[in-house]
């Protein structure tokens, strides 16, 4: 379980580093004025350096770069102020976030493995106890029953261990998912603040006028 958790952290960390770098670049591009018009104006002025950061294919950033390039296709004119877009960034960047399926799969495997080992141990213990109690010797039958109880107790600890590992991995998955979601949501939030969303219907009307 510790190895699976470590692998998940190692796999996710490059994405988090790349996402944090983009969050910082977007935040800086918005400027210090919290007025929406001022933020869009500042973003338009800083669009070229922001785009360079978003296009930087550093380790762990490949999915973010692809999402940014697809999102750029929804922008109307990148040279105007404010820069307008016709699609929400969440539609692209939420798909770029890594899926922690390995932790989910491993947590289910630990529960299943614990139950299988428990029942296999109980089957063997019951069979052994049945053979011991088949004779007429009461002391042998009593000893077989005691051994059955001891083995049964030990085998149930296997289930408890599997369940404990599963819960631990679920907590690890939840923690990593929160970190990934937080950084991805910040990218989307800052893009929403820096760009002016225009629906395709409105854009079509403008072109007809």
Protein backbone atom coordinates (compact mmCIF):
# COMPACT_ATOMS: atom_id res chain seq x y z
CA UNK A 1 0.00 0.00 0.00
CA UNK A 2 2.85 2.39 0.85
CA UNK A 3 4.50 1.68 -2.51
CA UNK A 4 1.26 2.32 -4.43
CA UNK A 5 0.74 5.60 -2.57
CA UNK A 6 4.35 6.64 -3.24
CA UNK A 7 3.99 5.87 -6.95
CA UNK A 8 0.80 7.91 -7.15
CA UNK A 9 2.49 10.89 -5.48
CA UNK A 10 5.55 10.64 -7.75
CA UNK A 11 3.31 10.43 -10.83
CA UNK A 12 1.12 13.36 -9.81
CA UNK A 13 3.82 15.74 -8.55
CA UNK A 14 5.08 16.84 -12.03
CA UNK A 15 1.54 17.81 -13.02
CA UNK A 16 1.06 19.79 -9.82
CA UNK A 17 4.38 21.61 -10.35
CA UNK A 18 3.45 22.49 -13.94
CA UNK A 19 -0.05 23.58 -12.92
CA UNK A 20 1.27 25.80 -10.10
CA UNK A 21 3.66 27.50 -12.50
CA UNK A 22 0.77 28.29 -14.82
CA UNK A 23 -1.40 29.48 -11.97
CA UNK A 24 1.31 31.92 -10.90
CA UNK A 25 1.81 33.18 -14.46
CA UNK A 26 -1.92 33.74 -14.94
CA UNK A 27 -2.23 35.44 -11.57
CA UNK A 28 0.64 37.81 -12.37
CA UNK A 29 -0.86 38.56 -15.79
CA UNK A 30 -4.10 39.80 -14.22
CA UNK A 31 -2.28 42.60 -12.42
CA UNK A 32 -2.95 44.07 -8.99
CA UNK A 33 -6.23 45.82 -9.83
CA UNK A 34 -9.20 43.58 -8.99
CA UNK A 35 -11.56 45.46 -11.32
CA UNK A 36 -12.77 43.02 -14.04
CA UNK A 37 -12.12 45.48 -16.87
CA UNK A 38 -8.61 46.22 -15.57
CA UNK A 39 -7.87 42.49 -15.20
CA UNK A 40 -8.90 41.79 -18.80
CA UNK A 41 -6.85 44.71 -20.04
CA UNK A 42 -3.78 43.57 -18.09
CA UNK A 43 -4.23 40.02 -19.33
CA UNK A 44 -4.39 41.19 -22.95
CA UNK A 45 -1.15 43.14 -22.47
CA UNK A 46 0.57 40.10 -20.93
CA UNK A 47 -0.95 37.55 -23.28
CA UNK A 48 2.27 36.70 -25.16
CA UNK A 49 4.37 35.84 -22.05
CA UNK A 50 1.40 33.98 -20.56
CA UNK A 51 0.99 31.96 -23.75
CA UNK A 52 4.70 31.11 -23.67
CA UNK A 53 4.35 29.68 -20.15
CA UNK A 54 1.17 27.80 -21.05
CA UNK A 55 2.92 26.29 -24.10
CA UNK A 56 6.02 25.21 -22.17
CA UNK A 57 6.06 21.42 -22.45
CA UNK A 58 7.90 20.81 -19.18
CA UNK A 59 7.76 17.50 -17.35
CA UNK A 60 4.18 16.70 -16.37
CA UNK A 61 2.72 19.52 -18.48
CA UNK A 62 1.94 17.68 -21.71
CA UNK A 63 -1.79 17.39 -21.04
CA UNK A 64 -1.92 21.05 -19.94
CA UNK A 65 -0.15 22.15 -23.13
CA UNK A 66 -2.63 20.20 -25.25
CA UNK A 67 -5.54 21.68 -23.31
CA UNK A 68 -4.17 25.20 -23.79
CA UNK A 69 -3.69 24.72 -27.54
CA UNK A 70 -7.22 23.41 -27.91
CA UNK A 71 -8.53 26.26 -25.78
CA UNK A 72 -6.65 28.80 -27.93
CA UNK A 73 -8.73 27.66 -30.90
CA UNK A 74 -11.82 29.02 -29.13
CA UNK A 75 -10.33 32.54 -28.89
CA UNK A 76 -11.70 35.07 -31.36
CA UNK A 77 -8.78 37.50 -31.74
CA UNK A 78 -5.77 37.28 -29.46
CA UNK A 79 -4.47 40.71 -30.50
CA UNK A 80 -7.51 42.66 -29.25
CA UNK A 81 -8.27 43.88 -25.75
CA UNK A 82 -10.02 42.21 -24.10
CA UNK A 83 -9.22 38.82 -25.58
CA UNK A 84 -12.49 37.01 -26.21
CA UNK A 85 -13.21 33.29 -26.11
CA UNK A 86 -16.18 31.17 -27.13
CA UNK A 87 -15.65 28.16 -24.84
CA UNK A 88 -15.21 27.82 -21.10
CA UNK A 89 -11.67 26.78 -20.08
CA UNK A 90 -13.00 24.12 -17.72
CA UNK A 91 -14.17 22.09 -20.71
CA UNK A 92 -10.53 21.66 -21.75
CA UNK A 93 -8.46 21.77 -18.58
CA UNK A 94 -10.59 19.41 -16.48
CA UNK A 95 -9.74 16.69 -19.00
CA UNK A 96 -6.04 17.45 -18.60
CA UNK A 97 -6.04 16.61 -14.88
CA UNK A 98 -4.52 13.19 -14.09
CA UNK A 99 -6.92 10.44 -13.07
CA UNK A 100 -5.89 8.58 -9.92
CA UNK A 101 -7.30 5.26 -11.06
CA UNK A 102 -4.28 3.34 -9.74
CA UNK A 103 -5.16 4.21 -6.14
CA UNK A 104 -8.82 3.31 -6.63
CA UNK A 105 -7.91 -0.01 -8.23
CA UNK A 106 -5.34 -0.86 -5.55
CA UNK A 107 -7.73 -0.04 -2.69
CA UNK A 108 -10.32 -2.43 -4.13
CA UNK A 109 -7.67 -5.12 -4.65
CA UNK A 110 -6.57 -4.94 -1.01
CA UNK A 111 -10.13 -5.48 0.22
CA UNK A 112 -10.67 -8.40 -2.16
CA UNK A 113 -7.31 -9.99 -1.37
CA UNK A 114 -7.94 -9.73 2.36
CA UNK A 115 -11.31 -11.43 2.06
CA UNK A 116 -9.99 -14.20 -0.20
CA UNK A 117 -7.07 -14.99 2.09
CA UNK A 118 -9.38 -14.97 5.11
CA UNK A 119 -11.83 -17.43 3.60
CA UNK A 120 -9.08 -19.67 2.23
CA UNK A 121 -7.53 -19.81 5.70
CA UNK A 122 -10.90 -20.57 7.29
CA UNK A 123 -11.56 -23.37 4.81
CA UNK A 124 -8.22 -25.00 5.60
CA UNK A 125 -8.72 -24.51 9.36
CA UNK A 126 -12.25 -25.95 9.26
CA UNK A 127 -11.07 -28.96 7.28
CA UNK A 128 -8.25 -29.59 9.73
CA UNK A 129 -10.55 -29.17 12.72
CA UNK A 130 -13.12 -31.52 11.20
CA UNK A 131 -10.52 -34.24 10.78
CA UNK A 132 -9.36 -33.79 14.37
CA UNK A 133 -12.89 -33.91 15.79
CA UNK A 134 -13.87 -36.97 13.80
CA UNK A 135 -12.19 -39.32 16.28
CA UNK A 136 -13.44 -40.46 19.68
CA UNK A 137 -10.70 -38.75 21.68
CA UNK A 138 -12.26 -35.78 23.47
CA UNK A 139 -8.90 -34.14 24.21
CA UNK A 140 -7.92 -34.24 20.54
CA UNK A 141 -11.29 -32.79 19.53
CA UNK A 142 -10.93 -30.02 22.12
CA UNK A 143 -7.44 -29.17 20.89
CA UNK A 144 -8.66 -29.10 17.28
CA UNK A 145 -11.44 -26.70 18.25
CA UNK A 146 -8.98 -24.42 20.05
CA UNK A 147 -6.66 -24.42 17.04
CA UNK A 148 -9.63 -23.56 14.81
CA UNK A 149 -10.49 -20.52 16.93
CA UNK A 150 -6.89 -19.33 16.97
CA UNK A 151 -6.53 -19.69 13.19
CA UNK A 152 -9.91 -18.05 12.58
CA UNK A 153 -8.91 -15.06 14.70
CA UNK A 154 -5.61 -14.71 12.86
CA UNK A 155 -7.30 -14.94 9.46
CA UNK A 156 -9.78 -12.20 10.33
CA UNK A 157 -6.81 -9.93 11.00
CA UNK A 158 -5.96 -10.42 7.31
CA UNK A 159 -9.31 -8.91 6.36
CA UNK A 160 -8.79 -6.07 8.80
CA UNK A 161 -5.34 -5.38 7.36
CA UNK A 162 -6.69 -5.37 3.80
CA UNK A 163 -9.53 -3.06 4.79
CA UNK A 164 -7.14 -0.74 6.62
CA UNK A 165 -4.85 -0.53 3.59
CA UNK A 166 -7.85 0.19 1.39
CA UNK A 167 -9.06 3.03 3.63
CA UNK A 168 -5.56 4.51 3.78
CA UNK A 169 -5.29 4.49 -0.02
CA UNK A 170 -8.72 6.08 -0.30
CA UNK A 171 -7.59 8.93 1.94
CA UNK A 172 -4.44 9.31 -0.18
CA UNK A 173 -6.56 9.40 -3.33
CA UNK A 174 -8.86 12.04 -1.81
CA UNK A 175 -5.92 14.21 -0.75
CA UNK A 176 -4.21 14.07 -4.15
CA UNK A 177 -7.50 14.63 -5.97
CA UNK A 178 -8.13 17.78 -3.95
CA UNK A 179 -4.68 19.15 -4.81
CA UNK A 180 -5.11 18.38 -8.51
CA UNK A 181 -8.62 19.83 -8.59
CA UNK A 182 -7.56 22.98 -6.72
CA UNK A 183 -4.73 23.83 -9.15
CA UNK A 184 -6.84 22.99 -12.21
CA UNK A 185 -9.73 25.10 -10.93
CA UNK A 186 -7.37 28.03 -10.33
CA UNK A 187 -6.15 27.85 -13.93
CA UNK A 188 -9.74 27.95 -15.13
CA UNK A 189 -10.68 30.74 -12.72
CA UNK A 190 -7.82 33.03 -13.75
CA UNK A 191 -8.52 32.41 -17.44
CA UNK A 192 -12.17 33.27 -16.89
CA UNK A 193 -11.13 36.52 -15.20
CA UNK A 194 -8.61 37.43 -17.89
CA UNK A 195 -10.78 36.66 -20.90
CA UNK A 196 -14.19 37.90 -22.02
CA UNK A 197 -16.53 35.02 -22.76
CA UNK A 198 -18.72 35.46 -25.82
CA UNK A 199 -21.23 32.78 -26.73
CA UNK A 200 -21.08 31.43 -30.30
CA UNK A 201 -24.64 32.69 -30.85
CA UNK A 202 -23.70 36.24 -29.91
CA UNK A 203 -20.59 36.09 -32.06
CA UNK A 204 -22.68 34.95 -35.03
CA UNK A 205 -25.07 37.87 -34.52
CA UNK A 206 -22.14 40.32 -34.41
CA UNK A 207 -20.77 38.96 -37.66
CA UNK A 208 -24.16 39.36 -39.35
CA UNK A 209 -24.57 42.98 -38.26
